[in-house]
C-alpha atoms as a PDB file:
ATOM      1  CA  MET A   1      89.174 153.825  48.262  1.00  0.00           C
ATOM      2  CA  LEU A   2      86.965 155.460  50.946  1.00  0.00           C
ATOM      3  CA  PRO A   3      86.234 159.060  51.229  1.00  0.00           C
ATOM      4  CA  ALA A   4      88.326 161.085  53.802  1.00  0.00           C
ATOM      5  CA  ALA A   5      86.535 160.815  57.176  1.00  0.00           C
ATOM      6  CA  ARG A   6      85.470 164.063  59.311  1.00  0.00           C
ATOM      7  CA  GLY A   7      86.425 163.427  62.943  1.00  0.00           C
ATOM      8  CA  ARG A   8      87.617 160.378  64.685  1.00  0.00           C
ATOM      9  CA  GLN A   9      87.415 156.777  63.437  1.00  0.00           C
ATOM     10  CA  LEU A  10      87.685 153.552  65.425  1.00  0.00           C
ATOM     11  CA  LEU A  11      89.458 150.428  64.222  1.00  0.00           C
ATOM     12  CA  THR A  12      89.333 147.037  65.452  1.00  0.00           C
ATOM     13  CA  VAL A  13      90.531 143.641  63.948  1.00  0.00           C
ATOM     14  CA  ASP A  14      89.467 139.721  64.930  1.00  0.00           C
ATOM     15  CA  PRO A  15      89.618 136.850  63.219  1.00  0.00           C
ATOM     16  CA  VAL A  16      87.840 133.122  63.381  1.00  0.00           C
ATOM     17  CA  ILE A  17      89.932 130.291  63.049  1.00  0.00           C
ATOM     18  CA  TYR A  18      89.074 126.614  62.619  1.00  0.00           C
ATOM     19  CA  GLY A  19      89.753 124.685  65.687  1.00  0.00           C
ATOM     20  CA  ARG A  20      90.007 127.659  67.730  1.00  0.00           C
ATOM     21  CA  HIS A  21      86.648 129.715  67.100  1.00  0.00           C
ATOM     22  CA  PHE A  22      84.524 127.223  65.047  1.00  0.00           C
ATOM     23  CA  ASP A  23      84.707 123.512  63.815  1.00  0.00           C
ATOM     24  CA  ASP A  24      82.626 121.121  61.837  1.00  0.00           C
ATOM     25  CA  ALA A  25      79.857 121.233  64.428  1.00  0.00           C
ATOM     26  CA  VAL A  26      79.354 125.043  63.303  1.00  0.00           C
ATOM     27  CA  PRO A  27      77.294 125.820  60.008  1.00  0.00           C
ATOM     28  CA  PRO A  28      79.351 127.849  57.772  1.00  0.00           C
ATOM     29  CA  ARG A  29      76.891 130.673  57.728  1.00  0.00           C
ATOM     30  CA  ALA A  30      77.575 131.091  61.730  1.00  0.00           C
ATOM     31  CA  ALA A  31      81.089 130.830  61.448  1.00  0.00           C
ATOM     32  CA  GLY A  32      80.658 134.074  58.886  1.00  0.00           C
ATOM     33  CA  ALA A  33      78.251 135.879  61.179  1.00  0.00           C
ATOM     34  CA  LYS A  34      80.628 135.415  64.283  1.00  0.00           C
ATOM     35  CA  LEU A  35      83.545 136.983  62.250  1.00  0.00           C
ATOM     36  CA  LEU A  36      81.527 140.329  62.048  1.00  0.00           C
ATOM     37  CA  LYS A  37      80.017 139.831  65.299  1.00  0.00           C
ATOM     38  CA  ARG A  38      83.199 139.682  67.323  1.00  0.00           C
ATOM     39  CA  ASN A  39      84.271 142.982  65.600  1.00  0.00           C
ATOM     40  CA  LEU A  40      80.910 144.620  66.306  1.00  0.00           C
ATOM     41  CA  SER A  41      81.428 143.826  69.996  1.00  0.00           C
ATOM     42  CA  ASP A  42      84.361 145.341  70.188  1.00  0.00           C
ATOM     43  CA  LEU A  43      83.265 148.279  68.290  1.00  0.00           C
ATOM     44  CA  ALA A  44      80.215 148.730  70.493  1.00  0.00           C
ATOM     45  CA  ALA A  45      82.350 148.242  73.587  1.00  0.00           C
ATOM     46  CA  MET A  46      84.468 151.581  72.494  1.00  0.00           C
ATOM     47  CA  GLY A  47      81.175 153.396  72.273  1.00  0.00           C
ATOM     48  CA  GLY A  48      81.476 153.223  68.440  1.00  0.00           C
ATOM     49  CA  ARG A  49      78.989 152.528  65.119  1.00  0.00           C
ATOM     50  CA  PRO A  50      80.516 150.182  62.409  1.00  0.00           C
ATOM     51  CA  THR A  51      80.867 151.822  58.857  1.00  0.00           C
ATOM     52  CA  VAL A  52      82.877 149.609  56.702  1.00  0.00           C
ATOM     53  CA  ALA A  53      84.806 146.305  56.742  1.00  0.00           C
ATOM     54  CA  VAL A  54      87.576 144.899  54.890  1.00  0.00           C
ATOM     55  CA  LEU A  55      87.908 140.910  54.943  1.00  0.00           C
ATOM     56  CA  ALA A  56      90.888 138.382  54.557  1.00  0.00           C
ATOM     57  CA  VAL A  57      90.461 134.813  54.267  1.00  0.00           C
ATOM     58  CA  THR A  58      92.868 131.884  54.103  1.00  0.00           C
ATOM     59  CA  LEU A  59      91.753 128.754  53.060  1.00  0.00           C
ATOM     60  CA  ASP A  60      93.038 125.284  52.548  1.00  0.00           C
ATOM     61  CA  PRO A  61      92.727 124.275  48.813  1.00  0.00           C
ATOM     62  CA  ARG A  62      90.311 121.280  50.072  1.00  0.00           C
ATOM     63  CA  VAL A  63      87.607 123.696  51.001  1.00  0.00           C
ATOM     64  CA  ASN A  64      84.864 123.333  48.738  1.00  0.00           C
ATOM     65  CA  ARG A  65      83.331 126.261  47.085  1.00  0.00           C
ATOM     66  CA  ARG A  66      79.614 125.537  48.730  1.00  0.00           C
ATOM     67  CA  TRP A  67      81.570 126.153  52.383  1.00  0.00           C
ATOM     68  CA  LEU A  68      82.925 129.402  51.428  1.00  0.00           C
ATOM     69  CA  GLU A  69      79.526 130.633  49.699  1.00  0.00           C
ATOM     70  CA  GLN A  70      77.838 129.787  52.937  1.00  0.00           C
ATOM     71  CA  PHE A  71      80.316 131.633  55.239  1.00  0.00           C
ATOM     72  CA  TYR A  72      80.296 134.610  52.996  1.00  0.00           C
ATOM     73  CA  ARG A  73      76.280 134.398  52.865  1.00  0.00           C
ATOM     74  CA  GLY A  74      76.344 134.489  56.995  1.00  0.00           C
ATOM     75  CA  LEU A  75      78.994 137.253  56.861  1.00  0.00           C
ATOM     76  CA  ALA A  76      76.886 139.445  54.434  1.00  0.00           C
ATOM     77  CA  ALA A  77      73.519 138.697  55.997  1.00  0.00           C
ATOM     78  CA  CYS A  78      75.007 139.642  59.443  1.00  0.00           C
ATOM     79  CA  ALA A  79      76.513 142.989  57.564  1.00  0.00           C
ATOM     80  CA  ARG A  80      73.352 143.910  56.407  1.00  0.00           C
ATOM     81  CA  ARG A  81      71.752 143.578  59.493  1.00  0.00           C
ATOM     82  CA  HIS A  82      74.209 145.950  60.918  1.00  0.00           C
ATOM     83  CA  HIS A  83      74.488 148.384  58.143  1.00  0.00           C
ATOM     84  CA  VAL A  84      78.137 147.538  57.365  1.00  0.00           C
ATOM     85  CA  ALA A  85      79.743 147.616  53.964  1.00  0.00           C
ATOM     86  CA  ILE A  86      82.241 145.155  53.112  1.00  0.00           C
ATOM     87  CA  VAL A  87      84.392 147.183  50.709  1.00  0.00           C
ATOM     88  CA  GLY A  88      87.469 144.949  50.058  1.00  0.00           C
ATOM     89  CA  GLY A  89      89.813 141.926  51.210  1.00  0.00           C
ATOM     90  CA  ASP A  90      91.676 139.354  50.207  1.00  0.00           C
ATOM     91  CA  LEU A  91      91.639 135.465  49.524  1.00  0.00           C
ATOM     92  CA  ALA A  92      94.594 133.338  50.122  1.00  0.00           C
ATOM     93  CA  GLN A  93      95.637 129.476  50.022  1.00  0.00           C
ATOM     94  CA  ALA A  94      97.182 127.712  52.521  1.00  0.00           C
ATOM     95  CA  ASP A  95      97.571 123.887  53.311  1.00  0.00           C
ATOM     96  CA  ARG A  96      95.703 123.047  56.555  1.00  0.00           C
ATOM     97  CA  VAL A  97      94.492 126.530  57.380  1.00  0.00           C
ATOM     98  CA  VAL A  98      90.898 127.705  57.421  1.00  0.00           C
ATOM     99  CA  ALA A  99      90.906 131.179  58.999  1.00  0.00           C
ATOM    100  CA  ALA A 100      89.418 134.780  58.283  1.00  0.00           C
ATOM    101  CA  SER A 101      90.349 138.150  59.808  1.00  0.00           C
ATOM    102  CA  LEU A 102      88.014 141.313  59.520  1.00  0.00           C
ATOM    103  CA  THR A 103      89.098 144.474  59.830  1.00  0.00           C
ATOM    104  CA  LEU A 104      86.026 146.971  61.085  1.00  0.00           C
ATOM    105  CA  LEU A 105      86.230 150.477  60.916  1.00  0.00           C
ATOM    106  CA  GLY A 106      83.581 152.708  62.729  1.00  0.00           C
ATOM    107  CA  ARG A 107      82.594 156.278  64.263  1.00  0.00           C
ATOM    108  CA  PRO A 108      82.022 157.144  67.774  1.00  0.00           C
ATOM    109  CA  ALA A 109      78.241 156.901  68.240  1.00  0.00           C
ATOM    110  CA  GLY A 110      78.513 160.036  70.751  1.00  0.00           C
ATOM    111  CA  PRO A 111      81.223 162.330  72.172  1.00  0.00           C
ATOM    112  CA  ARG A 112      82.725 159.533  74.423  1.00  0.00           C
ATOM    113  CA  VAL A 113      85.330 157.091  73.233  1.00  0.00           C
ATOM    114  CA  VAL A 114      85.946 154.342  75.659  1.00  0.00           C
ATOM    115  CA  THR A 115      89.529 152.884  75.334  1.00  0.00           C
ATOM    116  CA  ARG A 116      91.708 150.751  77.510  1.00  0.00           C
ATOM    117  CA  THR A 117      93.988 153.649  78.615  1.00  0.00           C
ATOM    118  CA  GLY A 118      91.508 153.668  81.628  1.00  0.00           C
ATOM    119  CA  ALA A 119      92.193 150.084  82.665  1.00  0.00           C
ATOM    120  CA  ARG A 120      94.227 149.877  85.967  1.00  0.00           C
ATOM    121  CA  SER A 121      95.894 147.107  87.895  1.00  0.00           C
ATOM    122  CA  GLY A 122      93.346 145.952  90.641  1.00  0.00           C
ATOM    123  CA  ARG A 123      90.369 147.057  88.656  1.00  0.00           C
ATOM    124  CA  LEU A 124      87.684 144.491  87.360  1.00  0.00           C
ATOM    125  CA  GLY A 125      86.657 144.409  83.649  1.00  0.00           C
ATOM    126  CA  PHE A 126      83.593 142.475  83.218  1.00  0.00           C
ATOM    127  CA  THR A 127      82.044 141.180  79.892  1.00  0.00           C
ATOM    128  CA  SER A 128      78.433 140.394  78.364  1.00  0.00           C
ATOM    129  CA  GLN A 129      79.670 137.288  76.890  1.00  0.00           C
ATOM    130  CA  ALA A 130      82.140 134.588  78.024  1.00  0.00           C
ATOM    131  CA  CYS A 131      85.698 135.643  77.375  1.00  0.00           C
ATOM    132  CA  SER A 132      87.534 134.835  74.407  1.00  0.00           C
ATOM    133  CA  ALA A 133      89.287 131.783  73.871  1.00  0.00           C
ATOM    134  CA  ALA A 134      92.745 133.301  74.372  1.00  0.00           C
ATOM    135  CA  ALA A 135      91.509 134.270  77.913  1.00  0.00           C
ATOM    136  CA  SER A 136      89.327 131.459  78.720  1.00  0.00           C
ATOM    137  CA  ALA A 137      91.842 128.720  79.131  1.00  0.00           C
ATOM    138  CA  ALA A 138      90.776 125.703  81.063  1.00  0.00           C
ATOM    139  CA  GLY A 139      92.239 126.839  84.313  1.00  0.00           C
ATOM    140  CA  ILE A 140      90.357 130.075  84.306  1.00  0.00           C
ATOM    141  CA  ILE A 141      87.072 128.554  83.437  1.00  0.00           C
ATOM    142  CA  THR A 142      87.406 125.940  86.150  1.00  0.00           C
ATOM    143  CA  GLY A 143      88.472 129.058  88.716  1.00  0.00           C
ATOM    144  CA  SER A 144      91.881 127.555  89.082  1.00  0.00           C
ATOM    145  CA  SER A 145      93.892 130.649  87.601  1.00  0.00           C
ATOM    146  CA  PRO A 146      94.724 132.957  90.084  1.00  0.00           C
ATOM    147  CA  GLY A 147      93.883 136.700  89.305  1.00  0.00           C
ATOM    148  CA  TRP A 148      91.096 136.152  87.128  1.00  0.00           C
ATOM    149  CA  PRO A 149      87.735 136.593  89.502  1.00  0.00           C
ATOM    150  CA  ARG A 150      84.539 135.409  88.700  1.00  0.00           C
ATOM    151  CA  ALA A 151      81.672 138.136  88.130  1.00  0.00           C
ATOM    152  CA  PRO A 152      79.622 138.730  90.696  1.00  0.00           C
ATOM    153  CA  GLY A 153      76.289 136.451  90.669  1.00  0.00           C
ATOM    154  CA  SER A 154      77.913 134.402  87.490  1.00  0.00           C
ATOM    155  CA  PRO A 155      79.556 131.609  89.047  1.00  0.00           C
ATOM    156  CA  GLY A 156      80.182 129.882  85.883  1.00  0.00           C
ATOM    157  CA  ARG A 157      81.551 133.012  84.162  1.00  0.00           C
ATOM    158  CA  PRO A 158      84.701 134.464  84.678  1.00  0.00           C
ATOM    159  CA  ALA A 159      85.194 138.450  84.463  1.00  0.00           C
ATOM    160  CA  CYS A 160      88.289 139.565  82.421  1.00  0.00           C
ATOM    161  CA  ALA A 161      90.546 141.470  84.546  1.00  0.00           C
ATOM    162  CA  PRO A 162      92.543 144.305  82.623  1.00  0.00           C
END
């Protein structure tokens, strides 16, 4: 149980899924850190600071214990670096699935919270990182997808339009 919060709270959730966000070439520690970093990025974009997180992991029964330990170590190290307490979660088993989802709570870092309600058709939205896998299909990356302009001065990185 968390104590009642004063003021506004921010909430974000993102997954990492084997075959989509990481594969065998990515060390499990890096996959664990990536899970938290995806959420930290969303919270920072809102103008927030993280407080606590809840984790849900779904694993194929063939995943070995060492992989899971290293995944958690990467997540825990990143959480310590960013002062995030992981306060709960769940572990489930499913055939041919290796995925984790993290829900991150935070508080506004200042008086202003940035939300997507300001997005309007025709306005550009820029990212500090490459667009997510959901937005960076091959057509977008190659520039063959209309409606997804490239960021000025970044010919290899598309800008994500709202």
